[in-house]
Protein backbone atom coordinates (compact mmCIF):
# COMPACT_ATOMS: atom_id res chain seq x y z
CA PRO A 1 -1.27 25.53 -5.26
CA THR A 2 1.04 22.64 -5.85
CA THR A 3 4.22 23.03 -8.35
CA GLU A 4 4.47 20.63 -11.30
CA MET A 5 7.68 19.62 -9.37
CA GLN A 6 6.62 19.06 -6.19
CA LYS A 7 3.89 16.62 -7.80
CA MET A 8 6.10 14.73 -9.72
CA LYS A 9 7.96 14.25 -6.20
CA ILE A 10 4.17 12.99 -4.86
CA LYS A 11 3.89 10.94 -7.65
CA ASP A 12 7.18 8.76 -7.26
CA LEU A 13 7.02 8.96 -3.48
CA SER A 14 3.67 7.14 -3.03
CA LYS A 15 4.89 4.83 -6.28
CA ARG A 16 7.58 3.47 -4.11
CA LEU A 17 4.76 3.60 -1.18
CA GLU A 18 2.99 1.11 -2.86
CA GLU A 19 6.18 -1.13 -3.98
CA GLY A 20 7.42 -0.58 -0.74
CA MET A 21 3.84 -2.35 0.80
CA LEU A 22 3.37 -4.46 -1.46
CA LYS A 23 6.78 -6.49 -0.36
CA ALA A 24 6.16 -5.77 2.65
CA ALA A 25 2.61 -8.10 2.51
CA ILE A 26 2.99 -11.89 3.54
CA THR A 27 0.14 -12.61 1.69
CA LYS A 28 -2.91 -10.50 -0.85
CA GLU A 29 -5.17 -10.81 1.61
CA ASP A 30 -2.54 -9.08 4.32
CA TYR A 31 -1.64 -6.27 1.80
CA MET A 32 -5.63 -5.92 0.81
CA ASN A 33 -6.86 -5.55 5.24
CA LEU A 34 -8.00 -1.81 5.45
CA ASN A 35 -8.46 -2.65 9.36
CA THR A 36 -4.26 -2.39 8.95
CA LEU A 37 -3.13 -0.23 7.06
CA GLU A 38 -2.18 2.73 9.07
CA SER A 39 -0.14 0.30 11.47
CA ARG A 40 0.78 -1.05 8.77
CA LEU A 41 2.47 2.08 6.51
CA SER A 42 3.02 3.27 9.96
CA ASN A 43 5.71 0.68 11.01
CA PHE A 44 6.63 0.10 7.14
CA LEU A 45 6.90 3.89 7.18
CA ARG A 46 9.52 3.41 10.86
CA ARG A 47 11.71 0.71 9.70
CA ALA A 48 12.04 2.53 6.51
CA SER A 49 13.22 6.06 7.93
CA MET A 50 15.55 4.13 11.00
CA GLY A 51 18.02 3.07 7.70
CA ASN A 52 18.44 6.67 6.36
CA HIS A 53 18.33 9.55 8.85
CA ASN A 54 20.46 11.97 6.64
CA GLN A 55 18.16 11.45 3.22
CA PRO A 56 14.61 14.84 3.33
CA TYR A 57 12.62 11.43 1.62
CA PRO A 58 14.00 7.81 2.29
CA GLN A 59 13.91 5.99 -0.25
CA LEU A 60 11.32 3.16 0.23
CA VAL A 61 12.71 1.04 -1.44
CA SER A 62 14.63 0.48 -4.96
CA SER A 63 13.84 2.06 -7.65
CA SER A 64 12.68 0.30 -10.65
CA PRO A 65 9.87 1.07 -12.90
CA ILE A 66 6.18 0.86 -11.93
CA GLY A 67 5.37 -1.42 -15.20
CA THR A 68 7.47 -4.23 -13.63
CA MET A 69 4.94 -4.80 -10.49
CA ILE A 70 3.67 -7.58 -9.61
CA PRO A 71 -0.18 -6.78 -8.67
CA THR A 72 -0.03 -9.93 -5.61
CA PRO A 73 2.91 -10.23 -3.30
CA VAL A 74 4.80 -13.17 -4.52
CA ARG A 75 5.49 -15.28 -1.11
């Protein structure tokens, strides 16, 4: 069984991951491409963890309210 604290951590991590993947995408098509999702996700997590060796849960992106997310990349 998952505790409420674990659920909150998973939700927070997923929000940060989603925001980071959105910011890393060059175009909307790049962000939406399911064929490259696994490799982009792996690369993103590898880059994020390299900068956060001593943190048990790497801070993938700066914390900002989910309401400020832009649904498509701005580049």
